[in-house]
Every structure is written in C-alpha cells, then in structure tokens.
Amino acid sequence: MPDHPPQRERVVLATRRGARMVRTRVEVQEQTEVGDALVRGLMRAQLGLGLRLGGALLVVAAAIPVVFWLMPSVADADAFGIRLPWLVLGLLTFPVLYLTGRLYVHLADQAERDFMGLVDDDITDSVGSDITDSVASDTTDSVGSDITEDPRS
C-alpha cells in the first residue's frame, strides 16, 4: 500500500474569463476606487515615460556644449563655411527633438493599449468607440449564465 494519498486534482467546468473583464470595465466606467487606481496607474506610467525621455533629452542637450568645451579643436572646425557648434545646435537638435516626441507618442499609445487590454478584452481600432456599448455584450460567461446585470436597464 502506498504511504502517500493520491494527488488532488482541480476540476474546472467553465472558465469565467469574462467576469473579470466586465467588472474591470465597470470599475473604470463608474470611477470607483479600483477604476480610479487603474487610471492613475496609466497616468503615472505616461508621466514616468515623459520624465525619462525628457531627462535623456536634457542629458544629450547638456553634453553638446560640454563636448565643445572639452575639445576646442572640434568647436573650431568648419563645415560648409559654418562652424560645427552652429551646425550641431541649429540642425541636428531638431531631428532629435522630433524623434523623441515620436517615440513618446508611440510608447504612450502602447501603454494605453496595454491599459485597454486590461480593461477590455476586445480592443477595437475604431476611433470614438464607447466602452458602455461593449458592457452589455460580454455579460455572460462561457456556460451562458449572467455575470452582471446591464447597468442601462
């Protein structure tokens, strides 16, 4: 006879994946404490992203004059009859600023898509889609029983 009992097995009849999604969506829509915490988390992530990119841009902008101060031969160089510091500060900084802005927008959109993935399992690409329209559509779990009641009824 074996000394240890058989290993327990968990039997799951149906997954209730939709229950969490609907509840999270309702939390954000009704601006409850949980929904407020989720939105604040998104805002905090976007603020942190902006501060990190702004800090990196500040370091790069501060390094340019330092390089010219440490290497006077580079600062005295001419290209097309214009001194190198003027070319770097006048021409090269604008593409860096533009690309940093584009990077911020891309990463902030990605953070927002991740947030919407948390709140809504059905991310739509249409502009202006309303969260309340999708609340009623996902109110049943895979078995077919109601999870929540429609808030509009």
Foldseek 3Di string as FASTA:
>chain_A
DDPDDDDDDDDDPFDQVLLQLLVLLVCLVVVHPSNVVLVVVLVVVLVVLVVVLVVVLVVVVVVLVVVCVVDVVQQQDDDPNHGPSCCCVPPVSVVVVVVSVVVSVVVSVVSVVVSCVSNHVDDDPDPPDDSLVCSVVSQAGPVGDGNDDRPVD
